[in-house]
Amino acid sequence: MTSDVTPAGAWSRKLAPYREPKTLRSISEIIVTAVPLAAFWGVAWVAHAHGLWWVALLLTIPAAGFLVRLFMIQHDCGHGAFFRAKQANDWVGRLIGVLTLTPYHYWRHTHAIHHATSGNLDRRSLGAIETLTVEEYRAKTPLGRFGYRLYRHPLVMFGLGPAFVFFIMQRLPVGMMREGWRPWASVLGNSAAIAVGLGALIWIFGPAPILLINIVTMLLAATIGVWLFYIQHQFEGAAWARNGEWSREEAALAGSSHYDLPPVLRWFTANIGVHHVHHLASRIPFYHLPKVLRDHPELRPMSRVGLWESFRCARLALWDEANRRLVSFREARLLASG
């Protein structure tokens, strides 16, 4: 679906004026995100030291919100959108990556692949949630179908999956192991910095509070992050296309959602819900995205998904090429029997 007013191909030009980052604004966004995160962790460590482990555990919830927001700043750095200077983006991205357990340069490369191929059925690759067509799923062996169903099960996708991705998968340059030393340097450098940081915290506070506070915070943040990424591209009405029909602008507008969250959640997720605009122009800093919607209200209803309706999207698992829509396993079975 594209706007009745603006052809899809013209959006990149229309959105170009919003791309300019403001240095002081970017710095202030880091401060209002990192300082509260450190404060919540500090209070939680003190609470744990006084035997109030349940208070410490509760404080991981707001801490996870700020850690998600910090990841979104790292995300903007990866797009070269947060500062004018490339080195500023890269160094801030690297430093945040120690807290988010995300190797900056490796992730930036896989995420760029995601942006270049999102919604393209012929170029499903790194940096995306694996999505099979109905026919591809039916062509698999029983064991293959079972494995895919397990992978797409909500308890795995949003339960075990986030821990696996951030704690295990991102310790290796998966998909890029034979592409020279740079992916390895990114991943191993990130892991080494994490090990040093964790070692220092354990030496100061002991292992128990770190496991209860920092690891739980990371698990909560990782789960939120995976859910956001899922809803950004797996929703009712999402569009996919083959090479001959695929275009970046169409894929952005029709294949990326506008996850219309309540204001508080919008702030903690740094407007990443305005994902269709982000895919149209990834160099726009997140703090300019609300202005884009204000200036171009025709973008608001495009691919819109509300908070409550988004939970129904967890059942979607397969692309039905004949009907051009995402379907659940049950719907695919009904299609086959019909």
Protein backbone atom coordinates (compact mmCIF):
# COMPACT_ATOMS: atom_id res chain seq x y z
CA MET A 1 0.00 0.00 0.00
CA THR A 2 1.37 3.40 -0.93
CA SER A 3 0.12 6.89 -0.38
CA ASP A 4 -2.55 8.28 -2.74
CA VAL A 5 -0.65 11.57 -2.65
CA THR A 6 3.00 10.59 -2.90
CA PRO A 7 4.35 7.82 -5.17
CA ALA A 8 6.52 5.38 -3.25
CA GLY A 9 9.65 6.31 -5.16
CA ALA A 10 9.35 9.97 -4.16
CA TRP A 11 9.45 9.42 -0.42
CA SER A 12 13.22 9.25 -0.12
CA ARG A 13 13.48 12.75 -1.55
CA LYS A 14 10.65 14.11 0.60
CA LEU A 15 12.20 12.74 3.79
CA ALA A 16 15.76 13.90 3.10
CA PRO A 17 15.40 17.14 5.17
CA TYR A 18 14.78 15.11 8.34
CA ARG A 19 18.10 13.26 8.12
CA GLU A 20 20.27 15.88 9.78
CA PRO A 21 21.16 14.90 13.39
CA LYS A 22 21.50 17.51 16.13
CA THR A 23 24.63 16.88 18.19
CA LEU A 24 23.37 18.36 21.46
CA ARG A 25 20.07 16.52 21.12
CA SER A 26 21.86 13.24 20.47
CA ILE A 27 24.12 13.73 23.50
CA SER A 28 21.12 14.59 25.69
CA GLU A 29 19.32 11.43 24.52
CA ILE A 30 22.31 9.35 25.62
CA ILE A 31 22.38 11.09 29.02
CA VAL A 32 18.65 10.69 29.74
CA THR A 33 18.93 7.01 28.83
CA ALA A 34 22.28 5.90 30.30
CA VAL A 35 22.09 7.83 33.60
CA PRO A 36 18.71 6.37 34.69
CA LEU A 37 19.90 2.89 33.66
CA ALA A 38 22.99 3.25 35.86
CA ALA A 39 20.84 4.67 38.68
CA PHE A 40 18.37 1.78 38.59
CA TRP A 41 21.21 -0.73 38.58
CA GLY A 42 22.94 1.12 41.44
CA VAL A 43 19.81 1.17 43.60
CA ALA A 44 19.18 -2.48 42.77
CA TRP A 45 22.71 -3.44 43.85
CA VAL A 46 22.25 -1.56 47.15
CA ALA A 47 18.86 -3.19 47.69
CA HIS A 48 20.35 -6.62 47.08
CA ALA A 49 23.19 -5.89 49.52
CA HIS A 50 20.56 -5.17 52.20
CA GLY A 51 18.73 -8.42 51.54
CA LEU A 52 15.92 -6.83 49.52
CA TRP A 53 16.35 -9.14 46.56
CA TRP A 54 12.70 -8.72 45.50
CA VAL A 55 13.17 -4.94 45.24
CA ALA A 56 16.29 -5.52 43.16
CA LEU A 57 14.35 -7.88 40.90
CA LEU A 58 11.51 -5.38 40.42
CA LEU A 59 14.01 -2.68 39.46
CA THR A 60 15.18 -4.80 36.53
CA ILE A 61 11.88 -3.98 34.76
CA PRO A 62 12.47 -0.22 34.34
CA ALA A 63 16.18 -0.92 33.83
CA ALA A 64 15.29 -3.18 30.89
CA GLY A 65 13.28 -0.34 29.37
CA PHE A 66 16.27 1.98 29.46
CA LEU A 67 18.54 -0.77 28.10
CA VAL A 68 16.15 -1.23 25.16
CA ARG A 69 16.33 2.51 24.53
CA LEU A 70 20.13 2.37 24.67
CA PHE A 71 20.07 -0.36 22.03
CA MET A 72 17.94 1.88 19.83
CA ILE A 73 20.60 4.57 20.10
CA GLN A 74 23.19 1.97 19.06
CA HIS A 75 20.85 1.09 16.19
CA ASP A 76 20.81 4.71 14.99
CA CYS A 77 24.60 4.83 15.26
CA GLY A 78 24.76 1.77 13.02
CA HIS A 79 22.81 3.65 10.37
CA GLY A 80 25.11 6.67 10.69
CA ALA A 81 22.07 8.63 11.86
CA PHE A 82 22.90 9.71 15.41
CA PHE A 83 25.91 11.96 14.81
CA ARG A 84 27.29 13.69 11.74
CA ALA A 85 30.75 12.20 12.24
CA LYS A 86 31.19 8.53 11.38
CA GLN A 87 33.74 8.04 14.16
CA ALA A 88 31.32 9.41 16.75
CA ASN A 89 28.63 6.98 15.58
CA ASP A 90 31.07 4.07 15.57
CA TRP A 91 32.60 4.67 18.99
CA VAL A 92 29.27 5.29 20.71
CA GLY A 93 27.92 2.18 18.99
CA ARG A 94 30.88 0.10 20.14
CA LEU A 95 30.60 1.27 23.75
CA ILE A 96 26.86 0.68 23.94
CA GLY A 97 27.43 -2.75 22.42
CA VAL A 98 29.22 -3.82 25.60
CA LEU A 99 26.02 -3.16 27.58
CA THR A 100 23.65 -4.62 24.98
CA LEU A 101 25.88 -7.65 24.27
CA THR A 102 25.79 -6.69 20.60
CA PRO A 103 29.00 -6.59 18.51
CA TYR A 104 28.54 -3.27 16.75
CA HIS A 105 30.28 -3.73 13.40
CA TYR A 106 29.08 -7.30 12.88
CA TRP A 107 25.49 -6.33 13.77
CA ARG A 108 25.68 -3.20 11.57
CA HIS A 109 26.62 -5.34 8.58
CA THR A 110 23.88 -7.95 9.10
CA HIS A 111 21.35 -5.20 9.75
CA ALA A 112 22.32 -3.47 6.51
CA ILE A 113 21.59 -6.76 4.72
CA HIS A 114 18.20 -6.82 6.42
CA HIS A 115 17.40 -3.32 5.12
CA ALA A 116 18.53 -4.23 1.61
CA THR A 117 16.45 -7.42 1.44
CA SER A 118 13.46 -6.90 3.75
CA GLY A 119 10.27 -8.23 2.19
CA ASN A 120 12.10 -9.89 -0.71
CA LEU A 121 11.19 -13.57 -0.96
CA ASP A 122 14.18 -14.27 -3.20
CA ARG A 123 16.74 -12.65 -0.89
CA ARG A 124 15.89 -13.92 2.60
CA SER A 125 19.21 -13.80 4.40
CA LEU A 126 21.04 -12.61 7.50
CA GLY A 127 19.49 -10.18 9.92
CA ALA A 128 15.89 -11.37 9.59
CA ILE A 129 13.46 -13.78 11.22
CA GLU A 130 13.32 -16.92 9.11
CA THR A 131 10.02 -17.05 7.24
CA LEU A 132 9.03 -19.89 4.91
CA THR A 133 6.33 -19.87 2.28
CA VAL A 134 3.50 -22.37 2.63
CA GLU A 135 4.91 -24.41 -0.26
CA GLU A 136 8.44 -24.42 1.19
CA TYR A 137 7.07 -25.62 4.50
CA ARG A 138 5.06 -28.42 2.87
CA ALA A 139 8.12 -29.53 0.88
CA LYS A 140 10.15 -30.11 4.03
CA THR A 141 10.54 -33.50 5.69
CA PRO A 142 8.46 -34.18 8.82
CA LEU A 143 11.55 -33.44 10.92
CA GLY A 144 12.14 -30.20 9.02
CA ARG A 145 8.52 -29.11 9.56
CA PHE A 146 8.79 -29.94 13.25
CA GLY A 147 11.99 -27.90 13.54
CA TYR A 148 10.39 -24.88 11.85
CA ARG A 149 7.26 -25.12 14.00
CA LEU A 150 9.47 -25.28 17.07
CA TYR A 151 11.47 -22.25 15.91
CA ARG A 152 8.27 -20.26 15.32
CA HIS A 153 6.58 -21.28 18.59
CA PRO A 154 6.11 -18.19 20.82
CA LEU A 155 7.80 -19.89 23.78
CA VAL A 156 10.91 -20.39 21.66
CA MET A 157 10.72 -17.19 19.59
CA PHE A 158 10.15 -14.90 22.57
CA GLY A 159 11.36 -17.12 25.40
CA LEU A 160 14.49 -19.12 24.58
CA GLY A 161 15.24 -17.24 21.37
CA PRO A 162 16.30 -13.85 22.80
CA ALA A 163 18.69 -15.50 25.29
CA PHE A 164 20.17 -17.66 22.54
CA VAL A 165 20.69 -14.73 20.17
CA PHE A 166 22.29 -12.30 22.62
CA PHE A 167 24.16 -14.67 24.93
CA ILE A 168 25.28 -17.36 22.46
CA MET A 169 24.70 -16.59 18.77
CA GLN A 170 26.29 -13.14 18.90
CA ARG A 171 29.50 -14.62 20.34
CA LEU A 172 30.30 -15.82 16.80
CA PRO A 173 30.03 -13.99 13.43
CA VAL A 174 27.31 -16.34 12.19
CA GLY A 175 26.94 -16.11 8.43
CA MET A 176 30.18 -14.17 8.07
CA MET A 177 32.79 -16.58 9.39
CA ARG A 178 34.64 -16.71 6.07
CA GLU A 179 34.52 -13.00 5.31
CA GLY A 180 37.89 -12.02 6.71
CA TRP A 181 39.07 -10.83 10.10
CA ARG A 182 36.73 -7.87 10.60
CA PRO A 183 33.61 -9.81 11.68
CA TRP A 184 35.75 -11.89 14.04
CA ALA A 185 37.41 -8.77 15.47
CA SER A 186 34.00 -7.20 16.09
CA VAL A 187 32.50 -10.24 17.79
CA LEU A 188 35.57 -11.28 19.79
CA GLY A 189 36.35 -7.70 20.77
CA ASN A 190 32.80 -7.25 22.02
CA SER A 191 32.96 -10.52 23.96
CA ALA A 192 36.30 -9.58 25.53
CA ALA A 193 34.96 -6.19 26.63
CA ILE A 194 31.85 -7.86 28.10
CA ALA A 195 34.04 -10.37 29.97
CA VAL A 196 36.16 -7.56 31.45
CA GLY A 197 33.07 -5.59 32.47
CA LEU A 198 31.35 -8.58 34.02
CA GLY A 199 34.54 -9.60 35.78
CA ALA A 200 34.87 -6.13 37.32
CA LEU A 201 31.25 -6.11 38.49
CA ILE A 202 31.53 -9.60 39.99
CA TRP A 203 34.76 -8.60 41.74
CA ILE A 204 33.05 -5.54 43.25
CA PHE A 205 29.56 -6.85 44.02
CA GLY A 206 29.84 -10.64 43.83
CA PRO A 207 28.16 -13.01 41.36
CA ALA A 208 24.68 -13.17 42.94
CA PRO A 209 23.57 -9.54 42.34
CA ILE A 210 25.01 -9.58 38.82
CA LEU A 211 23.03 -12.70 37.95
CA LEU A 212 19.86 -11.36 39.54
CA ILE A 213 20.07 -7.78 38.31
CA ASN A 214 22.21 -7.40 35.20
CA ILE A 215 21.49 -10.74 33.55
CA VAL A 216 17.75 -10.53 34.23
CA THR A 217 17.72 -6.96 32.88
CA MET A 218 19.41 -8.17 29.71
CA LEU A 219 16.99 -11.08 29.31
CA LEU A 220 13.98 -8.78 29.66
CA ALA A 221 15.46 -6.23 27.24
CA ALA A 222 16.36 -8.96 24.73
CA THR A 223 12.82 -10.33 24.82
CA ILE A 224 11.35 -6.87 24.23
CA GLY A 225 13.82 -6.31 21.40
CA VAL A 226 12.97 -9.56 19.64
CA TRP A 227 9.24 -8.85 20.00
CA LEU A 228 9.67 -5.39 18.48
CA PHE A 229 11.68 -6.78 15.57
CA TYR A 230 9.05 -9.45 15.01
CA ILE A 231 6.12 -7.03 14.90
CA GLN A 232 8.02 -4.71 12.59
CA HIS A 233 7.79 -7.25 9.76
CA GLN A 234 5.40 -10.03 10.82
CA PHE A 235 1.94 -8.50 10.95
CA GLU A 236 -1.48 -8.73 9.32
CA GLY A 237 -1.29 -7.05 5.94
CA ALA A 238 2.49 -7.25 5.59
CA ALA A 239 3.66 -7.44 1.98
CA TRP A 240 6.38 -9.66 0.48
CA ALA A 241 7.38 -9.92 -3.16
CA ARG A 242 9.69 -11.73 -5.55
CA ASN A 243 12.67 -10.01 -7.20
CA GLY A 244 10.74 -8.84 -10.25
CA GLU A 245 8.09 -7.06 -8.19
CA TRP A 246 10.12 -6.00 -5.15
CA SER A 247 11.14 -2.38 -4.59
CA ARG A 248 12.74 -0.88 -1.51
CA GLU A 249 10.13 1.86 -1.10
CA GLU A 250 7.17 -0.50 -1.50
CA ALA A 251 8.77 -2.96 0.90
CA ALA A 252 9.24 -0.18 3.45
CA LEU A 253 5.68 1.14 3.28
CA ALA A 254 3.85 -2.17 2.98
CA GLY A 255 6.31 -4.62 4.53
CA SER A 256 7.32 -2.66 7.65
CA SER A 257 4.77 -1.79 10.28
CA HIS A 258 3.79 1.41 12.02
CA TYR A 259 3.64 -0.06 15.52
CA ASP A 260 1.48 2.62 17.12
CA LEU A 261 2.45 2.34 20.78
CA PRO A 262 1.26 4.41 23.78
CA PRO A 263 3.46 7.48 24.44
CA VAL A 264 5.47 5.95 27.32
CA LEU A 265 6.32 2.82 25.34
CA ARG A 266 7.05 4.96 22.30
CA TRP A 267 9.64 6.86 24.34
CA PHE A 268 11.32 3.75 25.74
CA THR A 269 11.49 2.18 22.28
CA ALA A 270 12.84 5.41 20.75
CA ASN A 271 10.08 5.62 18.11
CA ILE A 272 11.27 2.41 16.46
CA GLY A 273 7.59 1.60 15.94
CA VAL A 274 7.58 4.16 13.13
CA HIS A 275 9.35 1.44 11.26
CA HIS A 276 7.92 2.02 7.79
CA VAL A 277 9.41 5.52 7.81
CA HIS A 278 12.68 4.15 9.20
CA HIS A 279 12.93 1.73 6.27
CA LEU A 280 12.14 4.53 3.84
CA ALA A 281 14.95 6.69 5.24
CA SER A 282 17.16 4.92 7.76
CA ARG A 283 19.40 7.98 8.22
CA ILE A 284 16.66 9.85 10.08
CA PRO A 285 17.50 10.06 13.83
CA PHE A 286 14.76 8.51 15.94
CA TYR A 287 13.90 11.84 17.56
CA HIS A 288 12.89 13.29 14.17
CA LEU A 289 10.45 10.48 13.33
CA PRO A 290 7.44 12.01 15.21
CA LYS A 291 7.91 15.20 13.17
CA VAL A 292 7.78 13.15 9.98
CA LEU A 293 4.38 11.79 11.00
CA ARG A 294 3.15 15.26 11.96
CA ASP A 295 4.27 16.77 8.66
CA HIS A 296 3.05 13.82 6.56
CA PRO A 297 -0.13 12.52 8.25
CA GLU A 298 -0.81 10.24 5.27
CA LEU A 299 1.94 7.98 6.65
CA ARG A 300 0.13 7.41 9.96
CA PRO A 301 -2.43 4.78 8.85
CA MET A 302 -0.01 2.90 6.59
CA SER A 303 0.70 -0.62 7.91
CA ARG A 304 -0.54 0.49 11.33
CA VAL A 305 -0.57 -2.08 14.14
CA GLY A 306 -1.95 -1.20 17.58
CA LEU A 307 -0.55 -2.58 20.83
CA TRP A 308 -3.39 -4.98 21.63
CA GLU A 309 -3.90 -6.21 18.09
CA SER A 310 -0.16 -6.88 17.81
CA PHE A 311 -0.43 -9.87 20.14
CA ARG A 312 -2.52 -11.69 17.54
CA CYS A 313 0.45 -11.50 15.18
CA ALA A 314 2.38 -14.08 17.24
CA ARG A 315 0.45 -16.86 15.46
CA LEU A 316 1.66 -15.81 11.99
CA ALA A 317 4.32 -18.16 10.65
CA LEU A 318 4.12 -18.72 6.89
CA TRP A 319 3.81 -16.62 3.73
CA ASP A 320 0.90 -17.72 1.56
CA GLU A 321 2.15 -16.77 -1.90
CA ALA A 322 -1.14 -17.49 -3.62
CA ASN A 323 -3.11 -15.11 -1.39
CA ARG A 324 -0.17 -12.77 -0.67
CA ARG A 325 -0.48 -12.74 3.10
CA LEU A 326 1.04 -14.16 6.26
CA VAL A 327 -0.90 -17.06 7.74
CA SER A 328 -0.77 -19.30 10.79
CA PHE A 329 0.01 -23.03 10.66
CA ARG A 330 -3.71 -23.70 11.20
CA GLU A 331 -4.70 -21.47 8.29
CA ALA A 332 -2.13 -23.18 6.08
CA ARG A 333 -3.59 -26.57 7.03
CA LEU A 334 -7.12 -25.37 6.21
CA LEU A 335 -5.89 -24.07 2.85
CA ALA A 336 -4.44 -27.49 2.07
CA SER A 337 -7.61 -29.34 3.06
CA GLY A 338 -9.84 -26.89 1.17
